[in-house]
Amino acid sequence: MGRIEQLEKQINYFTNIEQGKHAVLLYEDKKKVMQSAVPFIKAGIEKNERAIYIDGAGERKVIISKLAKYISGISEYLDTGQLLILTADEYYGEDDSFDADKMVEKLKDIILTSKETGFSSTRITG
């Protein structure tokens, strides 16, 4: 199966995830993360969902470049907030101790803000 066919198959899969359902994908290497993140984000944008990428490695420019290859108008999605690329500190907190309660509150805030802004749902990857 070619790269484009594989991407289309993944977009199909991610487009059909029902609201409230979750998909958990585990990776053995960093390259595989973007191979799934691109169709996941693209499918969400096409469904008027907010898409959030958690950038744990501080590679915002690289992430945007990879997404832009498959998602036209990426700047518009970033400008409108339909696509957010958050650092790990922005999402999980800036100190070295992980606080699950704070992260859950942050997630609730993101979801409520997404709904208030007019997005049908929120999807998060990274």
PDB file of N, CA and C in Angstrom:
ATOM      1  N   MET A   1       0.853  -1.178   0.000  1.00  0.00           N
ATOM      2  CA  MET A   1       0.000   0.000   0.000  1.00  0.00           C
ATOM      3  C   MET A   1       0.895   1.237   0.000  1.00  0.00           C
ATOM      4  N   GLY A   2       0.616   2.166  -0.912  1.00  0.00           N
ATOM      5  CA  GLY A   2       1.396   3.392  -1.017  1.00  0.00           C
ATOM      6  C   GLY A   2       1.109   4.361   0.123  1.00  0.00           C
ATOM      7  N   ARG A   3       1.974   5.339   0.282  1.00  0.00           N
ATOM      8  CA  ARG A   3       1.869   6.328   1.369  1.00  0.00           C
ATOM      9  C   ARG A   3       0.535   7.076   1.317  1.00  0.00           C
ATOM     10  N   ILE A   4       0.106   7.519   0.136  1.00  0.00           N
ATOM     11  CA  ILE A   4      -1.145   8.262  -0.007  1.00  0.00           C
ATOM     12  C   ILE A   4      -2.336   7.366   0.322  1.00  0.00           C
ATOM     13  N   GLU A   5      -2.310   6.133  -0.161  1.00  0.00           N
ATOM     14  CA  GLU A   5      -3.406   5.201   0.139  1.00  0.00           C
ATOM     15  C   GLU A   5      -3.502   4.929   1.632  1.00  0.00           C
ATOM     16  N   GLN A   6      -2.342   4.772   2.277  1.00  0.00           N
ATOM     17  CA  GLN A   6      -2.311   4.535   3.719  1.00  0.00           C
ATOM     18  C   GLN A   6      -2.874   5.745   4.458  1.00  0.00           C
ATOM     19  N   LEU A   7      -2.486   6.938   4.038  1.00  0.00           N
ATOM     20  CA  LEU A   7      -2.979   8.165   4.659  1.00  0.00           C
ATOM     21  C   LEU A   7      -4.494   8.273   4.504  1.00  0.00           C
ATOM     22  N   GLU A   8      -5.009   7.994   3.324  1.00  0.00           N
ATOM     23  CA  GLU A   8      -6.456   8.048   3.087  1.00  0.00           C
ATOM     24  C   GLU A   8      -7.199   7.029   3.948  1.00  0.00           C
ATOM     25  N   LYS A   9      -6.636   5.854   4.108  1.00  0.00           N
ATOM     26  CA  LYS A   9      -7.247   4.824   4.947  1.00  0.00           C
ATOM     27  C   LYS A   9      -7.310   5.292   6.399  1.00  0.00           C
ATOM     28  N   GLN A  10      -6.229   5.908   6.880  1.00  0.00           N
ATOM     29  CA  GLN A  10      -6.208   6.406   8.247  1.00  0.00           C
ATOM     30  C   GLN A  10      -7.194   7.559   8.430  1.00  0.00           C
ATOM     31  N   ILE A  11      -7.272   8.453   7.443  1.00  0.00           N
ATOM     32  CA  ILE A  11      -8.223   9.564   7.531  1.00  0.00           C
ATOM     33  C   ILE A  11      -9.640   9.010   7.623  1.00  0.00           C
ATOM     34  N   ASN A  12      -9.942   8.006   6.812  1.00  0.00           N
ATOM     35  CA  ASN A  12     -11.256   7.354   6.866  1.00  0.00           C
ATOM     36  C   ASN A  12     -11.544   6.814   8.257  1.00  0.00           C
ATOM     37  N   TYR A  13     -10.567   6.128   8.828  1.00  0.00           N
ATOM     38  CA  TYR A  13     -10.737   5.561  10.166  1.00  0.00           C
ATOM     39  C   TYR A  13     -10.988   6.669  11.186  1.00  0.00           C
ATOM     40  N   PHE A  14     -10.160   7.704  11.175  1.00  0.00           N
ATOM     41  CA  PHE A  14     -10.270   8.764  12.165  1.00  0.00           C
ATOM     42  C   PHE A  14     -11.505   9.632  11.954  1.00  0.00           C
ATOM     43  N   THR A  15     -12.008   9.718  10.738  1.00  0.00           N
ATOM     44  CA  THR A  15     -13.223  10.481  10.468  1.00  0.00           C
ATOM     45  C   THR A  15     -14.432   9.796  11.102  1.00  0.00           C
ATOM     46  N   ASN A  16     -14.390   8.487  11.199  1.00  0.00           N
ATOM     47  CA  ASN A  16     -15.537   7.731  11.690  1.00  0.00           C
ATOM     48  C   ASN A  16     -15.547   7.494  13.191  1.00  0.00           C
ATOM     49  N   ILE A  17     -14.610   8.067  13.921  1.00  0.00           N
ATOM     50  CA  ILE A  17     -14.637   7.957  15.375  1.00  0.00           C
ATOM     51  C   ILE A  17     -15.805   8.808  15.886  1.00  0.00           C
ATOM     52  N   GLU A  18     -16.684   8.202  16.645  1.00  0.00           N
ATOM     53  CA  GLU A  18     -17.847   8.914  17.174  1.00  0.00           C
ATOM     54  C   GLU A  18     -17.430   9.820  18.327  1.00  0.00           C
ATOM     55  N   GLN A  19     -18.175  10.912  18.513  1.00  0.00           N
ATOM     56  CA  GLN A  19     -17.912  11.801  19.638  1.00  0.00           C
ATOM     57  C   GLN A  19     -18.033  11.016  20.929  1.00  0.00           C
ATOM     58  N   GLY A  20     -17.118  11.287  21.843  1.00  0.00           N
ATOM     59  CA  GLY A  20     -17.119  10.601  23.120  1.00  0.00           C
ATOM     60  C   GLY A  20     -16.314   9.318  23.124  1.00  0.00           C
ATOM     61  N   LYS A  21     -15.876   8.871  21.956  1.00  0.00           N
ATOM     62  CA  LYS A  21     -15.062   7.656  21.853  1.00  0.00           C
ATOM     63  C   LYS A  21     -13.589   8.041  21.867  1.00  0.00           C
ATOM     64  N   HIS A  22     -12.754   7.088  22.189  1.00  0.00           N
ATOM     65  CA  HIS A  22     -11.326   7.336  22.273  1.00  0.00           C
ATOM     66  C   HIS A  22     -10.565   6.317  21.433  1.00  0.00           C
ATOM     67  N   ALA A  23      -9.460   6.768  20.892  1.00  0.00           N
ATOM     68  CA  ALA A  23      -8.543   5.875  20.188  1.00  0.00           C
ATOM     69  C   ALA A  23      -7.176   6.056  20.839  1.00  0.00           C
ATOM     70  N   VAL A  24      -6.568   4.973  21.230  1.00  0.00           N
ATOM     71  CA  VAL A  24      -5.241   5.033  21.833  1.00  0.00           C
ATOM     72  C   VAL A  24      -4.280   4.302  20.904  1.00  0.00           C
ATOM     73  N   LEU A  25      -3.263   5.013  20.476  1.00  0.00           N
ATOM     74  CA  LEU A  25      -2.255   4.433  19.594  1.00  0.00           C
ATOM     75  C   LEU A  25      -0.906   4.508  20.305  1.00  0.00           C
ATOM     76  N   LEU A  26      -0.202   3.411  20.318  1.00  0.00           N
ATOM     77  CA  LEU A  26       1.111   3.363  20.950  1.00  0.00           C
ATOM     78  C   LEU A  26       2.174   3.255  19.872  1.00  0.00           C
ATOM     79  N   TYR A  27       3.308   3.909  20.109  1.00  0.00           N
ATOM     80  CA  TYR A  27       4.340   3.997  19.088  1.00  0.00           C
ATOM     81  C   TYR A  27       5.671   3.507  19.621  1.00  0.00           C
ATOM     82  N   GLU A  28       6.441   2.919  18.729  1.00  0.00           N
ATOM     83  CA  GLU A  28       7.787   2.502  19.086  1.00  0.00           C
ATOM     84  C   GLU A  28       8.834   3.510  18.632  1.00  0.00           C
ATOM     85  N   ASP A  29       8.488   4.352  17.687  1.00  0.00           N
ATOM     86  CA  ASP A  29       9.429   5.392  17.287  1.00  0.00           C
ATOM     87  C   ASP A  29       8.690   6.685  16.942  1.00  0.00           C
ATOM     88  N   LYS A  30       9.444   7.768  17.002  1.00  0.00           N
ATOM     89  CA  LYS A  30       8.905   9.113  16.854  1.00  0.00           C
ATOM     90  C   LYS A  30       8.256   9.366  15.486  1.00  0.00           C
ATOM     91  N   LYS A  31       8.782   8.782  14.431  1.00  0.00           N
ATOM     92  CA  LYS A  31       8.239   8.988  13.088  1.00  0.00           C
ATOM     93  C   LYS A  31       6.794   8.511  12.992  1.00  0.00           C
ATOM     94  N   LYS A  32       6.490   7.446  13.681  1.00  0.00           N
ATOM     95  CA  LYS A  32       5.143   6.863  13.614  1.00  0.00           C
ATOM     96  C   LYS A  32       4.093   7.797  14.221  1.00  0.00           C
ATOM     97  N   VAL A  33       4.497   8.633  15.165  1.00  0.00           N
ATOM     98  CA  VAL A  33       3.552   9.558  15.789  1.00  0.00           C
ATOM     99  C   VAL A  33       2.962  10.480  14.729  1.00  0.00           C
ATOM    100  N   MET A  34       3.789  11.104  13.925  1.00  0.00           N
ATOM    101  CA  MET A  34       3.295  12.029  12.899  1.00  0.00           C
ATOM    102  C   MET A  34       2.525  11.302  11.808  1.00  0.00           C
ATOM    103  N   GLN A  35       2.888  10.066  11.519  1.00  0.00           N
ATOM    104  CA  GLN A  35       2.161   9.306  10.497  1.00  0.00           C
ATOM    105  C   GLN A  35       0.705   9.107  10.886  1.00  0.00           C
ATOM    106  N   SER A  36       0.419   9.039  12.167  1.00  0.00           N
ATOM    107  CA  SER A  36      -0.969   8.928  12.631  1.00  0.00           C
ATOM    108  C   SER A  36      -1.569  10.287  12.983  1.00  0.00           C
ATOM    109  N   ALA A  37      -0.735  11.197  13.475  1.00  0.00           N
ATOM    110  CA  ALA A  37      -1.244  12.512  13.883  1.00  0.00           C
ATOM    111  C   ALA A  37      -1.794  13.297  12.694  1.00  0.00           C
ATOM    112  N   VAL A  38      -1.129  13.214  11.554  1.00  0.00           N
ATOM    113  CA  VAL A  38      -1.574  13.975  10.383  1.00  0.00           C
ATOM    114  C   VAL A  38      -3.002  13.603   9.979  1.00  0.00           C
ATOM    115  N   PRO A  39      -3.313  12.324   9.741  1.00  0.00           N
ATOM    116  CA  PRO A  39      -4.700  12.006   9.357  1.00  0.00           C
ATOM    117  C   PRO A  39      -5.693  12.252  10.488  1.00  0.00           C
ATOM    118  N   PHE A  40      -5.268  12.080  11.726  1.00  0.00           N
ATOM    119  CA  PHE A  40      -6.138  12.326  12.870  1.00  0.00           C
ATOM    120  C   PHE A  40      -6.547  13.797  12.920  1.00  0.00           C
ATOM    121  N   ILE A  41      -5.575  14.678  12.774  1.00  0.00           N
ATOM    122  CA  ILE A  41      -5.834  16.119  12.794  1.00  0.00           C
ATOM    123  C   ILE A  41      -6.635  16.531  11.558  1.00  0.00           C
ATOM    124  N   LYS A  42      -6.245  16.049  10.395  1.00  0.00           N
ATOM    125  CA  LYS A  42      -6.948  16.396   9.147  1.00  0.00           C
ATOM    126  C   LYS A  42      -8.420  15.992   9.218  1.00  0.00           C
ATOM    127  N   ALA A  43      -8.692  14.803   9.706  1.00  0.00           N
ATOM    128  CA  ALA A  43     -10.078  14.340   9.820  1.00  0.00           C
ATOM    129  C   ALA A  43     -10.877  15.228  10.768  1.00  0.00           C
ATOM    130  N   GLY A  44     -10.264  15.649  11.848  1.00  0.00           N
ATOM    131  CA  GLY A  44     -10.948  16.528  12.792  1.00  0.00           C
ATOM    132  C   GLY A  44     -11.245  17.895  12.203  1.00  0.00           C
ATOM    133  N   ILE A  45     -10.290  18.460  11.514  1.00  0.00           N
ATOM    134  CA  ILE A  45     -10.494  19.770  10.887  1.00  0.00           C
ATOM    135  C   ILE A  45     -11.624  19.694   9.871  1.00  0.00           C
ATOM    136  N   GLU A  46     -11.658  18.612   9.109  1.00  0.00           N
ATOM    137  CA  GLU A  46     -12.715  18.451   8.108  1.00  0.00           C
ATOM    138  C   GLU A  46     -14.100  18.323   8.746  1.00  0.00           C
ATOM    139  N   LYS A  47     -14.158  17.909  10.010  1.00  0.00           N
ATOM    140  CA  LYS A  47     -15.440  17.752  10.714  1.00  0.00           C
ATOM    141  C   LYS A  47     -15.743  18.951  11.618  1.00  0.00           C
ATOM    142  N   ASN A  48     -15.032  20.070  11.430  1.00  0.00           N
ATOM    143  CA  ASN A  48     -15.183  21.272  12.247  1.00  0.00           C
ATOM    144  C   ASN A  48     -14.901  21.002  13.723  1.00  0.00           C
ATOM    145  N   GLU A  49     -13.919  20.190  13.987  1.00  0.00           N
ATOM    146  CA  GLU A  49     -13.491  19.937  15.348  1.00  0.00           C
ATOM    147  C   GLU A  49     -12.211  20.715  15.617  1.00  0.00           C
ATOM    148  N   ARG A  50     -11.990  21.033  16.876  1.00  0.00           N
ATOM    149  CA  ARG A  50     -10.707  21.626  17.248  1.00  0.00           C
ATOM    150  C   ARG A  50      -9.711  20.480  17.380  1.00  0.00           C
ATOM    151  N   ALA A  51      -8.526  20.666  16.833  1.00  0.00           N
ATOM    152  CA  ALA A  51      -7.469  19.663  16.917  1.00  0.00           C
ATOM    153  C   ALA A  51      -6.305  20.253  17.701  1.00  0.00           C
ATOM    154  N   ILE A  52      -5.830  19.488  18.641  1.00  0.00           N
ATOM    155  CA  ILE A  52      -4.727  19.939  19.489  1.00  0.00           C
ATOM    156  C   ILE A  52      -3.592  18.927  19.408  1.00  0.00           C
ATOM    157  N   TYR A  53      -2.404  19.447  19.141  1.00  0.00           N
ATOM    158  CA  TYR A  53      -1.205  18.611  19.117  1.00  0.00           C
ATOM    159  C   TYR A  53      -0.342  19.020  20.299  1.00  0.00           C
ATOM    160  N   ILE A  54      -0.020  18.059  21.161  1.00  0.00           N
ATOM    161  CA  ILE A  54       0.863  18.325  22.294  1.00  0.00           C
ATOM    162  C   ILE A  54       2.293  18.053  21.839  1.00  0.00           C
ATOM    163  N   ASP A  55       3.069  19.113  21.779  1.00  0.00           N
ATOM    164  CA  ASP A  55       4.456  19.053  21.292  1.00  0.00           C
ATOM    165  C   ASP A  55       5.395  18.844  22.478  1.00  0.00           C
ATOM    166  N   GLY A  56       5.710  17.606  22.744  1.00  0.00           N
ATOM    167  CA  GLY A  56       6.583  17.286  23.868  1.00  0.00           C
ATOM    168  C   GLY A  56       8.056  17.484  23.590  1.00  0.00           C
ATOM    169  N   ALA A  57       8.410  17.695  22.348  1.00  0.00           N
ATOM    170  CA  ALA A  57       9.827  17.793  21.986  1.00  0.00           C
ATOM    171  C   ALA A  57      10.254  19.204  21.566  1.00  0.00           C
ATOM    172  N   GLY A  58       9.351  20.170  21.619  1.00  0.00           N
ATOM    173  CA  GLY A  58       9.709  21.534  21.229  1.00  0.00           C
ATOM    174  C   GLY A  58      10.014  21.673  19.755  1.00  0.00           C
ATOM    175  N   GLU A  59       9.203  21.022  18.918  1.00  0.00           N
ATOM    176  CA  GLU A  59       9.442  21.029  17.476  1.00  0.00           C
ATOM    177  C   GLU A  59       8.285  21.660  16.703  1.00  0.00           C
ATOM    178  N   ARG A  60       7.763  22.757  17.191  1.00  0.00           N
ATOM    179  CA  ARG A  60       6.592  23.406  16.597  1.00  0.00           C
ATOM    180  C   ARG A  60       6.742  23.621  15.091  1.00  0.00           C
ATOM    181  N   LYS A  61       7.857  24.181  14.658  1.00  0.00           N
ATOM    182  CA  LYS A  61       8.048  24.469  13.233  1.00  0.00           C
ATOM    183  C   LYS A  61       8.049  23.192  12.399  1.00  0.00           C
ATOM    184  N   VAL A  62       8.664  22.143  12.899  1.00  0.00           N
ATOM    185  CA  VAL A  62       8.707  20.860  12.193  1.00  0.00           C
ATOM    186  C   VAL A  62       7.298  20.278  12.090  1.00  0.00           C
ATOM    187  N   ILE A  63       6.554  20.354  13.171  1.00  0.00           N
ATOM    188  CA  ILE A  63       5.182  19.828  13.194  1.00  0.00           C
ATOM    189  C   ILE A  63       4.317  20.570  12.189  1.00  0.00           C
ATOM    190  N   ILE A  64       4.383  21.891  12.203  1.00  0.00           N
ATOM    191  CA  ILE A  64       3.595  22.692  11.263  1.00  0.00           C
ATOM    192  C   ILE A  64       3.987  22.360   9.825  1.00  0.00           C
ATOM    193  N   SER A  65       5.265  22.218   9.566  1.00  0.00           N
ATOM    194  CA  SER A  65       5.734  21.889   8.226  1.00  0.00           C
ATOM    195  C   SER A  65       5.178  20.543   7.753  1.00  0.00           C
ATOM    196  N   LYS A  66       5.200  19.547   8.624  1.00  0.00           N
ATOM    197  CA  LYS A  66       4.682  18.223   8.256  1.00  0.00           C
ATOM    198  C   LYS A  66       3.173  18.260   8.045  1.00  0.00           C
ATOM    199  N   LEU A  67       2.462  18.973   8.894  1.00  0.00           N
ATOM    200  CA  LEU A  67       1.012  19.075   8.733  1.00  0.00           C
ATOM    201  C   LEU A  67       0.654  19.818   7.449  1.00  0.00           C
ATOM    202  N   ALA A  68       1.422  20.866   7.131  1.00  0.00           N
ATOM    203  CA  ALA A  68       1.134  21.690   5.956  1.00  0.00           C
ATOM    204  C   ALA A  68       1.249  20.910   4.648  1.00  0.00           C
ATOM    205  N   LYS A  69       2.012  19.821   4.644  1.00  0.00           N
ATOM    206  CA  LYS A  69       2.141  19.004   3.438  1.00  0.00           C
ATOM    207  C   LYS A  69       0.818  18.337   3.065  1.00  0.00           C
ATOM    208  N   TYR A  70      -0.030  18.089   4.060  1.00  0.00           N
ATOM    209  CA  TYR A  70      -1.265  17.343   3.830  1.00  0.00           C
ATOM    210  C   TYR A  70      -2.538  18.130   4.146  1.00  0.00           C
ATOM    211  N   ILE A  71      -2.380  19.250   4.820  1.00  0.00           N
ATOM    212  CA  ILE A  71      -3.545  20.061   5.208  1.00  0.00           C
ATOM    213  C   ILE A  71      -3.354  21.453   4.626  1.00  0.00           C
ATOM    214  N   SER A  72      -4.122  21.765   3.588  1.00  0.00           N
ATOM    215  CA  SER A  72      -3.978  23.095   2.996  1.00  0.00           C
ATOM    216  C   SER A  72      -4.648  24.124   3.895  1.00  0.00           C
ATOM    217  N   GLY A  73      -4.110  25.327   3.902  1.00  0.00           N
ATOM    218  CA  GLY A  73      -4.659  26.403   4.728  1.00  0.00           C
ATOM    219  C   GLY A  73      -4.309  26.266   6.193  1.00  0.00           C
ATOM    220  N   ILE A  74      -3.198  25.624   6.501  1.00  0.00           N
ATOM    221  CA  ILE A  74      -2.817  25.366   7.887  1.00  0.00           C
ATOM    222  C   ILE A  74      -2.709  26.648   8.700  1.00  0.00           C
ATOM    223  N   SER A  75      -2.235  27.736   8.073  1.00  0.00           N
ATOM    224  CA  SER A  75      -2.100  29.012   8.788  1.00  0.00           C
ATOM    225  C   SER A  75      -3.453  29.520   9.283  1.00  0.00           C
ATOM    226  N   GLU A  76      -4.478  29.350   8.456  1.00  0.00           N
ATOM    227  CA  GLU A  76      -5.825  29.789   8.847  1.00  0.00           C
ATOM    228  C   GLU A  76      -6.309  29.000  10.066  1.00  0.00           C
ATOM    229  N   TYR A  77      -6.067  27.702  10.090  1.00  0.00           N
ATOM    230  CA  TYR A  77      -6.502  26.877  11.223  1.00  0.00           C
ATOM    231  C   TYR A  77      -5.760  27.251  12.497  1.00  0.00           C
ATOM    232  N   LEU A  78      -4.488  27.599  12.352  1.00  0.00           N
ATOM    233  CA  LEU A  78      -3.716  28.061  13.506  1.00  0.00           C
ATOM    234  C   LEU A  78      -4.216  29.428  13.976  1.00  0.00           C
ATOM    235  N   ASP A  79      -4.478  30.327  13.023  1.00  0.00           N
ATOM    236  CA  ASP A  79      -4.940  31.680  13.365  1.00  0.00           C
ATOM    237  C   ASP A  79      -6.304  31.681  14.046  1.00  0.00           C
ATOM    238  N   THR A  80      -7.198  30.796  13.605  1.00  0.00           N
ATOM    239  CA  THR A  80      -8.548  30.760  14.185  1.00  0.00           C
ATOM    240  C   THR A  80      -8.615  29.929  15.463  1.00  0.00           C
ATOM    241  N   GLY A  81      -7.557  29.205  15.764  1.00  0.00           N
ATOM    242  CA  GLY A  81      -7.549  28.364  16.949  1.00  0.00           C
ATOM    243  C   GLY A  81      -8.181  27.003  16.735  1.00  0.00           C
ATOM    244  N   GLN A  82      -8.543  26.696  15.494  1.00  0.00           N
ATOM    245  CA  GLN A  82      -9.077  25.357  15.240  1.00  0.00           C
ATOM    246  C   GLN A  82      -7.971  24.322  15.418  1.00  0.00           C
ATOM    247  N   LEU A  83      -6.742  24.715  15.125  1.00  0.00           N
ATOM    248  CA  LEU A  83      -5.589  23.872  15.383  1.00  0.00           C
ATOM    249  C   LEU A  83      -4.707  24.582  16.400  1.00  0.00           C
ATOM    250  N   LEU A  84      -4.451  23.893  17.495  1.00  0.00           N
ATOM    251  CA  LEU A  84      -3.553  24.411  18.519  1.00  0.00           C
ATOM    252  C   LEU A  84      -2.369  23.469  18.639  1.00  0.00           C
ATOM    253  N   ILE A  85      -1.197  24.037  18.726  1.00  0.00           N
ATOM    254  CA  ILE A  85      -0.010  23.251  19.016  1.00  0.00           C
ATOM    255  C   ILE A  85       0.519  23.771  20.337  1.00  0.00           C
ATOM    256  N   LEU A  86       0.375  22.935  21.364  1.00  0.00           N
ATOM    257  CA  LEU A  86       0.759  23.321  22.715  1.00  0.00           C
ATOM    258  C   LEU A  86       2.034  22.605  23.127  1.00  0.00           C
ATOM    259  N   THR A  87       2.885  23.297  23.860  1.00  0.00           N
ATOM    260  CA  THR A  87       4.052  22.629  24.419  1.00  0.00           C
ATOM    261  C   THR A  87       3.587  21.736  25.564  1.00  0.00           C
ATOM    262  N   ALA A  88       4.438  20.817  25.945  1.00  0.00           N
ATOM    263  CA  ALA A  88       4.113  19.945  27.079  1.00  0.00           C
ATOM    264  C   ALA A  88       3.890  20.778  28.335  1.00  0.00           C
ATOM    265  N   ASP A  89       4.684  21.839  28.517  1.00  0.00           N
ATOM    266  CA  ASP A  89       4.500  22.716  29.681  1.00  0.00           C
ATOM    267  C   ASP A  89       3.137  23.399  29.659  1.00  0.00           C
ATOM    268  N   GLU A  90       2.694  23.839  28.493  1.00  0.00           N
ATOM    269  CA  GLU A  90       1.386  24.495  28.387  1.00  0.00           C
ATOM    270  C   GLU A  90       0.255  23.530  28.718  1.00  0.00           C
ATOM    271  N   TYR A  91       0.429  22.283  28.367  1.00  0.00           N
ATOM    272  CA  TYR A  91      -0.639  21.310  28.578  1.00  0.00           C
ATOM    273  C   TYR A  91      -0.567  20.635  29.949  1.00  0.00           C
ATOM    274  N   TYR A  92       0.620  20.183  30.320  1.00  0.00           N
ATOM    275  CA  TYR A  92       0.757  19.418  31.558  1.00  0.00           C
ATOM    276  C   TYR A  92       1.132  20.265  32.763  1.00  0.00           C
ATOM    277  N   GLY A  93       1.643  21.477  32.540  1.00  0.00           N
ATOM    278  CA  GLY A  93       2.083  22.332  33.637  1.00  0.00           C
ATOM    279  C   GLY A  93       3.576  22.569  33.537  1.00  0.00           C
ATOM    280  N   GLU A  94       4.009  23.674  34.089  1.00  0.00           N
ATOM    281  CA  GLU A  94       5.395  24.093  33.905  1.00  0.00           C
ATOM    282  C   GLU A  94       6.369  23.509  34.902  1.00  0.00           C
ATOM    283  N   ASP A  95       5.904  22.999  36.007  1.00  0.00           N
ATOM    284  CA  ASP A  95       6.867  22.448  36.960  1.00  0.00           C
ATOM    285  C   ASP A  95       7.145  20.979  36.641  1.00  0.00           C
ATOM    286  N   ASP A  96       8.100  20.430  37.332  1.00  0.00           N
ATOM    287  CA  ASP A  96       8.530  19.060  37.041  1.00  0.00           C
ATOM    288  C   ASP A  96       7.614  17.987  37.623  1.00  0.00           C
ATOM    289  N   SER A  97       6.681  18.389  38.471  1.00  0.00           N
ATOM    290  CA  SER A  97       5.789  17.392  39.061  1.00  0.00           C
ATOM    291  C   SER A  97       4.478  17.339  38.281  1.00  0.00           C
ATOM    292  N   PHE A  98       4.084  16.139  37.932  1.00  0.00           N
ATOM    293  CA  PHE A  98       2.844  15.942  37.185  1.00  0.00           C
ATOM    294  C   PHE A  98       1.672  15.980  38.161  1.00  0.00           C
ATOM    295  N   ASP A  99       0.672  16.791  37.851  1.00  0.00           N
ATOM    296  CA  ASP A  99      -0.528  16.878  38.678  1.00  0.00           C
ATOM    297  C   ASP A  99      -1.720  16.506  37.809  1.00  0.00           C
ATOM    298  N   ALA A 100      -2.223  15.298  37.983  1.00  0.00           N
ATOM    299  CA  ALA A 100      -3.320  14.791  37.154  1.00  0.00           C
ATOM    300  C   ALA A 100      -4.565  15.667  37.279  1.00  0.00           C
ATOM    301  N   ASP A 101      -4.864  16.153  38.470  1.00  0.00           N
ATOM    302  CA  ASP A 101      -6.051  16.988  38.662  1.00  0.00           C
ATOM    303  C   ASP A 101      -5.955  18.279  37.848  1.00  0.00           C
ATOM    304  N   LYS A 102      -4.783  18.899  37.848  1.00  0.00           N
ATOM    305  CA  LYS A 102      -4.593  20.124  37.060  1.00  0.00           C
ATOM    306  C   LYS A 102      -4.727  19.836  35.568  1.00  0.00           C
ATOM    307  N   MET A 103      -4.180  18.696  35.133  1.00  0.00           N
ATOM    308  CA  MET A 103      -4.268  18.350  33.723  1.00  0.00           C
ATOM    309  C   MET A 103      -5.715  18.107  33.310  1.00  0.00           C
ATOM    310  N   VAL A 104      -6.484  17.437  34.158  1.00  0.00           N
ATOM    311  CA  VAL A 104      -7.896  17.187  33.862  1.00  0.00           C
ATOM    312  C   VAL A 104      -8.659  18.510  33.799  1.00  0.00           C
ATOM    313  N   GLU A 105      -8.374  19.420  34.712  1.00  0.00           N
ATOM    314  CA  GLU A 105      -9.021  20.740  34.681  1.00  0.00           C
ATOM    315  C   GLU A 105      -8.660  21.495  33.407  1.00  0.00           C
ATOM    316  N   LYS A 106      -7.412  21.413  32.998  1.00  0.00           N
ATOM    317  CA  LYS A 106      -6.973  22.046  31.752  1.00  0.00           C
ATOM    318  C   LYS A 106      -7.730  21.449  30.568  1.00  0.00           C
ATOM    319  N   LEU A 107      -7.868  20.136  30.561  1.00  0.00           N
ATOM    320  CA  LEU A 107      -8.594  19.452  29.493  1.00  0.00           C
ATOM    321  C   LEU A 107     -10.060  19.884  29.463  1.00  0.00           C
ATOM    322  N   LYS A 108     -10.691  19.966  30.618  1.00  0.00           N
ATOM    323  CA  LYS A 108     -12.083  20.424  30.691  1.00  0.00           C
ATOM    324  C   LYS A 108     -12.208  21.840  30.125  1.00  0.00           C
ATOM    325  N   ASP A 109     -11.267  22.701  30.499  1.00  0.00           N
ATOM    326  CA  ASP A 109     -11.279  24.083  30.019  1.00  0.00           C
ATOM    327  C   ASP A 109     -11.133  24.138  28.498  1.00  0.00           C
ATOM    328  N   ILE A 110     -10.243  23.323  27.959  1.00  0.00           N
ATOM    329  CA  ILE A 110     -10.040  23.277  26.505  1.00  0.00           C
ATOM    330  C   ILE A 110     -11.324  22.837  25.810  1.00  0.00           C
ATOM    331  N   ILE A 111     -11.970  21.808  26.332  1.00  0.00           N
ATOM    332  CA  ILE A 111     -13.190  21.282  25.713  1.00  0.00           C
ATOM    333  C   ILE A 111     -14.321  22.298  25.790  1.00  0.00           C
ATOM    334  N   LEU A 112     -14.499  22.936  26.949  1.00  0.00           N
ATOM    335  CA  LEU A 112     -15.553  23.955  27.087  1.00  0.00           C
ATOM    336  C   LEU A 112     -15.302  25.132  26.160  1.00  0.00           C
ATOM    337  N   THR A 113     -14.062  25.585  26.099  1.00  0.00           N
ATOM    338  CA  THR A 113     -13.712  26.694  25.219  1.00  0.00           C
ATOM    339  C   THR A 113     -13.954  26.313  23.758  1.00  0.00           C
ATOM    340  N   SER A 114     -13.638  25.082  23.400  1.00  0.00           N
ATOM    341  CA  SER A 114     -13.872  24.620  22.030  1.00  0.00           C
ATOM    342  C   SER A 114     -15.350  24.691  21.686  1.00  0.00           C
ATOM    343  N   LYS A 115     -16.188  24.216  22.582  1.00  0.00           N
ATOM    344  CA  LYS A 115     -17.641  24.241  22.355  1.00  0.00           C
ATOM    345  C   LYS A 115     -18.141  25.681  22.240  1.00  0.00           C
ATOM    346  N   GLU A 116     -17.674  26.541  23.155  1.00  0.00           N
ATOM    347  CA  GLU A 116     -18.093  27.949  23.146  1.00  0.00           C
ATOM    348  C   GLU A 116     -17.657  28.662  21.872  1.00  0.00           C
ATOM    349  N   THR A 117     -16.548  28.230  21.298  1.00  0.00           N
ATOM    350  CA  THR A 117     -16.016  28.846  20.083  1.00  0.00           C
ATOM    351  C   THR A 117     -16.719  28.333  18.839  1.00  0.00           C
ATOM    352  N   GLY A 118     -17.504  27.270  18.981  1.00  0.00           N
ATOM    353  CA  GLY A 118     -18.283  26.775  17.865  1.00  0.00           C
ATOM    354  C   GLY A 118     -17.774  25.497  17.221  1.00  0.00           C
ATOM    355  N   PHE A 119     -16.763  24.882  17.828  1.00  0.00           N
ATOM    356  CA  PHE A 119     -16.270  23.636  17.279  1.00  0.00           C
ATOM    357  C   PHE A 119     -17.150  22.484  17.765  1.00  0.00           C
ATOM    358  N   SER A 120     -17.362  21.497  16.906  1.00  0.00           N
ATOM    359  CA  SER A 120     -18.275  20.412  17.237  1.00  0.00           C
ATOM    360  C   SER A 120     -17.710  19.457  18.277  1.00  0.00           C
ATOM    361  N   SER A 121     -16.395  19.392  18.366  1.00  0.00           N
ATOM    362  CA  SER A 121     -15.736  18.473  19.298  1.00  0.00           C
ATOM    363  C   SER A 121     -14.268  18.855  19.394  1.00  0.00           C
ATOM    364  N   THR A 122     -13.523  18.118  20.189  1.00  0.00           N
ATOM    365  CA  THR A 122     -12.090  18.373  20.343  1.00  0.00           C
ATOM    366  C   THR A 122     -11.349  17.049  20.246  1.00  0.00           C
ATOM    367  N   ARG A 123     -10.265  17.051  19.516  1.00  0.00           N
ATOM    368  CA  ARG A 123      -9.402  15.875  19.481  1.00  0.00           C
ATOM    369  C   ARG A 123      -7.981  16.293  19.822  1.00  0.00           C
ATOM    370  N   ILE A 124      -7.300  15.431  20.554  1.00  0.00           N
ATOM    371  CA  ILE A 124      -5.962  15.748  21.057  1.00  0.00           C
ATOM    372  C   ILE A 124      -5.020  14.602  20.708  1.00  0.00           C
ATOM    373  N   THR A 125      -3.835  14.971  20.267  1.00  0.00           N
ATOM    374  CA  THR A 125      -2.813  13.986  19.944  1.00  0.00           C
ATOM    375  C   THR A 125      -1.451  14.586  20.254  1.00  0.00           C
ATOM    376  N   GLY A 126      -0.427  13.805  20.088  1.00  0.00           N
ATOM    377  CA  GLY A 126       0.932  14.321  20.265  1.00  0.00           C
ATOM    378  C   GLY A 126       1.788  13.385  21.040  1.00  0.00           C
TER     379      GLY A 126
END
